Amino acid sequence: MGKHKRSAVGGLEHLLSSGWEVAAVVAPPPDDRAAPEQRLDLAAAAADIPLASDHELYAALGRSGDGPDLSGVDLVLSFLFWKRIRRPLIELGRLGCINFHPAPLPDMRGIGGYNVAILEGWPRWGVSAHFVDDDLDTGDVVRVERFAIDGEHETALSLDLRSQARLLDLFRWTVDRAAAGEPLPRKPQGEGRYVTRAEFESLRSVRSDDPPELTARRIRAFWYPPHDGATIQLDGRTLTLLDRGLLNEIAGAYRDAGVQP
């Protein structure tokens, strides 16, 4: 179960090359903004793996002969899956249901992790594997991989690129350990931080009395095209702010794509 990301596709490819039998894949709808190598649905189709929605999985549980065959499942794997996973799907896997979260736990649950880390100048970041429970990102931790980040130059996009590579490595480590019959570590998280959607939206808004350094951080913290970046309201319109460094990046991307005068 995952997003259209190269890392999620890489996780599926690793499962197949390691000899795992994948009963079904839950992927987002086709998205023209995603390149073919990011498309989890295309990767599943190329491997002749049934595609299903999460609704179809829940409907298939407890019934026979309807939908994907979910008998004998060892692991339910969520790689950046965007919905809360509920029972009985949580309990389906013999070894459990594991989510791969692009932030260190319990430091940062839910959304907005990259943005907060850059805004607050965190010196280190991380990615996590954890068992899924009834709440969001609160289940027992399998492993957290932490790494240093450059708080003065990182953007949300650059931090995501770095995090996805490490998340794929963590995915490989976890499923390889399970395949070898080694027990997966379990450690309760304890107290953690959760950013709500309302808080996330408030963080991106640039205010007239913000100091220049905070505005510069806000611009980097929310730079992730095509999503809205750091925003300012002008005449009823929501505008995204850029700085010179990001304009240079865009110019370089245009040049490399052949968009040149």
Protein backbone atom coordinates (compact mmCIF):
# COMPACT_ATOMS: atom_id res chain seq x y z
CA MET A 1 0.00 0.00 0.00
CA GLY A 2 1.73 3.17 -1.09
CA LYS A 3 2.05 6.41 -3.02
CA HIS A 4 3.36 7.14 -6.50
CA LYS A 5 7.01 7.46 -5.46
CA ARG A 6 10.19 5.96 -6.86
CA SER A 7 10.91 4.68 -3.36
CA ALA A 8 7.56 2.86 -3.17
CA VAL A 9 8.16 1.31 -6.60
CA GLY A 10 11.64 0.33 -5.44
CA GLY A 11 10.12 -1.37 -2.40
CA LEU A 12 7.77 -3.42 -4.58
CA GLU A 13 10.64 -4.37 -6.90
CA HIS A 14 12.72 -5.47 -3.91
CA LEU A 15 9.92 -7.70 -2.64
CA LEU A 16 9.62 -9.39 -6.02
CA SER A 17 13.36 -9.83 -6.55
CA SER A 18 13.65 -11.30 -3.03
CA GLY A 19 11.05 -13.98 -3.72
CA TRP A 20 8.08 -12.54 -1.86
CA GLU A 21 4.64 -13.26 -3.28
CA VAL A 22 2.65 -10.03 -3.36
CA ALA A 23 -1.08 -10.72 -3.06
CA ALA A 24 -2.24 -7.22 -4.02
CA VAL A 25 -1.09 -3.62 -4.37
CA VAL A 26 -3.08 -0.57 -3.29
CA ALA A 27 -1.96 2.46 -5.31
CA PRO A 28 -3.35 5.95 -5.92
CA PRO A 29 -5.33 6.69 -9.09
CA PRO A 30 -3.25 7.43 -12.21
CA ASP A 31 -1.63 10.86 -11.93
CA ASP A 32 -0.25 12.74 -14.94
CA ARG A 33 2.14 14.60 -12.64
CA ALA A 34 3.93 11.36 -11.77
CA ALA A 35 6.65 10.03 -14.09
CA PRO A 36 6.34 6.38 -15.18
CA GLU A 37 9.12 5.33 -12.79
CA GLN A 38 7.08 6.78 -9.89
CA ARG A 39 3.83 5.01 -10.76
CA LEU A 40 3.14 2.21 -8.29
CA ASP A 41 0.13 1.09 -10.32
CA LEU A 42 2.24 0.65 -13.46
CA ALA A 43 4.86 -1.32 -11.53
CA ALA A 44 2.17 -3.64 -10.17
CA ALA A 45 0.61 -4.12 -13.58
CA ALA A 46 4.01 -4.88 -15.14
CA ALA A 47 4.51 -7.63 -12.55
CA ASP A 48 0.95 -8.95 -13.09
CA ILE A 49 0.01 -8.18 -9.47
CA PRO A 50 -3.68 -7.48 -8.77
CA LEU A 51 -4.50 -3.85 -8.03
CA ALA A 52 -7.11 -3.22 -5.36
CA SER A 53 -8.49 -0.29 -3.43
CA ASP A 54 -8.38 -0.30 0.34
CA HIS A 55 -12.19 -0.57 0.28
CA GLU A 56 -11.89 -3.77 -1.75
CA LEU A 57 -9.40 -5.19 0.76
CA TYR A 58 -11.72 -4.54 3.68
CA ALA A 59 -14.63 -6.03 1.72
CA ALA A 60 -12.60 -9.12 0.82
CA LEU A 61 -11.65 -9.86 4.42
CA GLY A 62 -13.88 -12.55 5.81
CA ARG A 63 -15.21 -13.50 2.40
CA SER A 64 -13.96 -16.17 0.01
CA GLY A 65 -13.83 -16.07 -3.74
CA ASP A 66 -14.37 -12.30 -3.99
CA GLY A 67 -11.49 -9.91 -4.59
CA PRO A 68 -7.79 -10.64 -4.00
CA ASP A 69 -6.75 -13.80 -2.15
CA LEU A 70 -5.75 -12.60 1.31
CA SER A 71 -5.22 -16.00 2.89
CA GLY A 72 -1.83 -16.75 4.41
CA VAL A 73 -0.61 -13.14 4.41
CA ASP A 74 2.62 -12.66 6.38
CA LEU A 75 2.93 -8.87 6.23
CA VAL A 76 0.76 -5.89 5.43
CA LEU A 77 3.10 -3.11 4.30
CA SER A 78 2.30 0.59 4.14
CA PHE A 79 4.87 2.69 2.27
CA LEU A 80 3.67 6.29 2.57
CA PHE A 81 0.04 5.14 2.39
CA TRP A 82 -2.11 8.24 2.78
CA LYS A 83 -5.04 6.81 4.75
CA ARG A 84 -5.45 5.47 8.27
CA ILE A 85 -5.33 1.66 8.21
CA ARG A 86 -8.13 0.05 10.21
CA ARG A 87 -8.99 -3.32 11.63
CA PRO A 88 -9.26 -6.07 10.46
CA LEU A 89 -6.54 -5.14 7.94
CA ILE A 90 -4.17 -4.24 10.79
CA GLU A 91 -4.50 -7.80 12.08
CA LEU A 92 -4.29 -9.59 8.73
CA GLY A 93 -0.54 -10.21 8.57
CA ARG A 94 0.91 -13.09 10.56
CA LEU A 95 3.95 -10.91 11.35
CA GLY A 96 2.01 -7.68 11.61
CA CYS A 97 1.17 -4.52 9.71
CA ILE A 98 4.14 -2.17 9.29
CA ASN A 99 4.19 1.44 8.15
CA PHE A 100 7.22 3.26 6.74
CA HIS A 101 7.07 6.86 7.89
CA PRO A 102 9.27 9.65 6.42
CA ALA A 103 10.09 11.22 9.80
CA PRO A 104 11.74 10.18 13.07
CA LEU A 105 9.34 8.71 15.61
CA PRO A 106 8.08 9.73 18.06
CA ASP A 107 9.58 13.15 17.30
CA MET A 108 7.22 13.91 14.41
CA ARG A 109 3.96 12.15 13.63
CA GLY A 110 1.40 12.94 10.95
CA ILE A 111 2.05 15.59 8.32
CA GLY A 112 4.39 18.56 8.03
CA GLY A 113 7.56 16.94 9.31
CA TYR A 114 9.93 18.27 6.66
CA ASN A 115 8.45 21.74 7.00
CA VAL A 116 8.78 21.86 10.78
CA ALA A 117 12.33 20.50 10.72
CA ILE A 118 13.48 23.26 8.37
CA LEU A 119 11.48 26.02 10.05
CA GLU A 120 12.84 25.12 13.47
CA GLY A 121 16.38 24.44 12.29
CA TRP A 122 16.63 20.79 13.32
CA PRO A 123 20.21 19.51 12.93
CA ARG A 124 19.10 15.90 12.37
CA TRP A 125 16.22 14.14 10.68
CA GLY A 126 15.20 10.51 10.28
CA VAL A 127 12.86 7.88 8.88
CA SER A 128 10.98 5.18 10.77
CA ALA A 129 9.44 1.73 10.49
CA HIS A 130 6.71 0.99 13.00
CA PHE A 131 3.88 -1.41 13.65
CA VAL A 132 0.45 0.01 12.88
CA ASP A 133 -2.06 0.33 15.70
CA ASP A 134 -5.46 2.01 15.96
CA ASP A 135 -4.04 5.54 16.14
CA LEU A 136 -1.91 7.46 13.65
CA ASP A 137 1.88 6.84 13.70
CA THR A 138 1.84 5.69 17.34
CA GLY A 139 2.53 1.94 17.06
CA ASP A 140 5.64 0.22 18.39
CA VAL A 141 8.82 1.24 16.58
CA VAL A 142 10.78 -1.32 14.59
CA ARG A 143 13.68 0.97 13.73
CA VAL A 144 14.50 4.66 13.28
CA GLU A 145 17.33 5.77 10.99
CA ARG A 146 18.59 9.29 11.77
CA PHE A 147 20.92 11.47 9.71
CA ALA A 148 22.34 14.99 9.73
CA ILE A 149 20.67 17.69 7.63
CA ASP A 150 21.76 21.14 6.48
CA GLY A 151 19.22 23.41 8.09
CA GLU A 152 20.55 26.49 6.27
CA HIS A 153 20.03 25.16 2.75
CA GLU A 154 17.53 22.28 2.90
CA THR A 155 14.12 22.61 1.24
CA ALA A 156 11.08 20.39 1.74
CA LEU A 157 11.77 18.85 -1.67
CA SER A 158 15.47 18.17 -1.02
CA LEU A 159 14.73 16.71 2.39
CA ASP A 160 12.09 14.43 0.90
CA LEU A 161 14.53 13.19 -1.75
CA ARG A 162 17.11 12.36 0.93
CA SER A 163 14.51 10.79 3.20
CA GLN A 164 13.01 8.58 0.48
CA ALA A 165 16.38 6.97 -0.27
CA ARG A 166 16.83 6.13 3.40
CA LEU A 167 13.24 4.97 3.75
CA LEU A 168 13.76 2.49 0.92
CA ASP A 169 16.90 1.19 2.65
CA LEU A 170 14.90 0.78 5.86
CA PHE A 171 12.15 -1.06 3.95
CA ARG A 172 14.68 -3.48 2.49
CA TRP A 173 16.24 -4.10 5.90
CA THR A 174 12.85 -4.78 7.50
CA VAL A 175 11.45 -7.18 4.91
CA ASP A 176 14.78 -8.99 4.54
CA ARG A 177 14.88 -9.57 8.29
CA ALA A 178 11.32 -10.88 8.21
CA ALA A 179 12.11 -13.17 5.26
CA ALA A 180 15.08 -14.61 7.15
CA GLY A 181 12.79 -15.54 10.04
CA GLU A 182 14.41 -13.06 12.41
CA PRO A 183 12.07 -11.36 14.87
CA LEU A 184 11.36 -7.70 14.20
CA PRO A 185 12.24 -5.35 17.07
CA ARG A 186 9.35 -3.69 18.91
CA LYS A 187 9.76 -0.70 21.17
CA PRO A 188 6.90 1.46 22.51
CA GLN A 189 7.14 5.06 21.33
CA GLY A 190 6.06 7.03 24.36
CA GLU A 191 5.02 10.66 24.02
CA GLY A 192 5.43 12.36 20.64
CA ARG A 193 4.49 15.38 18.56
CA TYR A 194 1.67 15.56 16.04
CA VAL A 195 1.07 18.42 13.60
CA THR A 196 -2.59 18.98 12.73
CA ARG A 197 -3.76 20.10 9.29
CA ALA A 198 -4.75 23.50 10.73
CA GLU A 199 -1.29 23.99 12.28
CA PHE A 200 0.36 22.92 9.02
CA GLU A 201 -1.57 25.54 7.05
CA SER A 202 -0.77 28.25 9.57
CA LEU A 203 2.95 27.47 9.37
CA ARG A 204 3.11 28.20 5.64
CA SER A 205 1.58 31.70 5.91
CA VAL A 206 4.04 34.60 5.72
CA ARG A 207 3.14 37.49 8.00
CA SER A 208 4.04 41.14 7.50
CA ASP A 209 5.82 41.33 10.86
CA ASP A 210 7.91 38.16 10.35
CA PRO A 211 11.66 38.76 10.59
CA PRO A 212 13.48 38.29 7.25
CA GLU A 213 15.31 35.16 8.46
CA LEU A 214 12.01 33.46 9.33
CA THR A 215 10.53 34.34 5.93
CA ALA A 216 13.59 32.87 4.22
CA ARG A 217 13.22 29.67 6.24
CA ARG A 218 9.51 29.51 5.50
CA ILE A 219 10.18 29.77 1.76
CA ARG A 220 12.61 26.83 1.90
CA ALA A 221 10.47 24.85 4.33
CA PHE A 222 7.50 24.77 1.94
CA TRP A 223 9.26 24.56 -1.41
CA TYR A 224 7.81 21.44 -3.03
CA PRO A 225 6.35 22.10 -6.51
CA PRO A 226 3.57 21.83 -7.57
CA HIS A 227 2.22 22.26 -4.03
CA ASP A 228 1.71 25.72 -2.61
CA GLY A 229 4.86 27.03 -1.00
CA ALA A 230 5.15 29.72 1.64
CA THR A 231 2.11 31.85 0.91
CA ILE A 232 1.03 35.44 1.27
CA GLN A 233 -2.45 36.87 0.78
CA LEU A 234 -2.74 39.76 -1.67
CA ASP A 235 -6.05 41.23 -2.88
CA GLY A 236 -7.86 38.01 -2.01
CA ARG A 237 -5.35 35.84 -3.85
CA THR A 238 -2.97 33.28 -2.35
CA LEU A 239 0.53 33.73 -3.80
CA THR A 240 3.60 31.53 -3.33
CA LEU A 241 6.90 33.25 -2.52
CA LEU A 242 10.26 32.38 -4.11
CA ASP A 243 13.79 33.51 -3.44
CA ARG A 244 16.76 33.91 -5.77
CA GLY A 245 18.18 30.49 -4.99
CA LEU A 246 14.95 28.72 -5.96
CA LEU A 247 14.66 30.78 -9.13
CA ASN A 248 18.15 29.62 -10.08
CA GLU A 249 17.08 26.01 -9.49
CA ILE A 250 14.05 26.47 -11.72
CA ALA A 251 16.16 28.08 -14.42
CA GLY A 252 18.57 25.14 -14.28
CA ALA A 253 15.72 22.64 -14.57
CA TYR A 254 14.30 24.53 -17.58
CA ARG A 255 17.73 24.60 -19.22
CA ASP A 256 18.26 20.87 -18.69
CA ALA A 257 14.78 20.16 -20.10
CA GLY A 258 15.58 22.15 -23.26
CA VAL A 259 13.31 25.09 -22.43
CA GLN A 260 15.64 27.80 -23.61
CA PRO A 261 15.15 31.07 -25.54
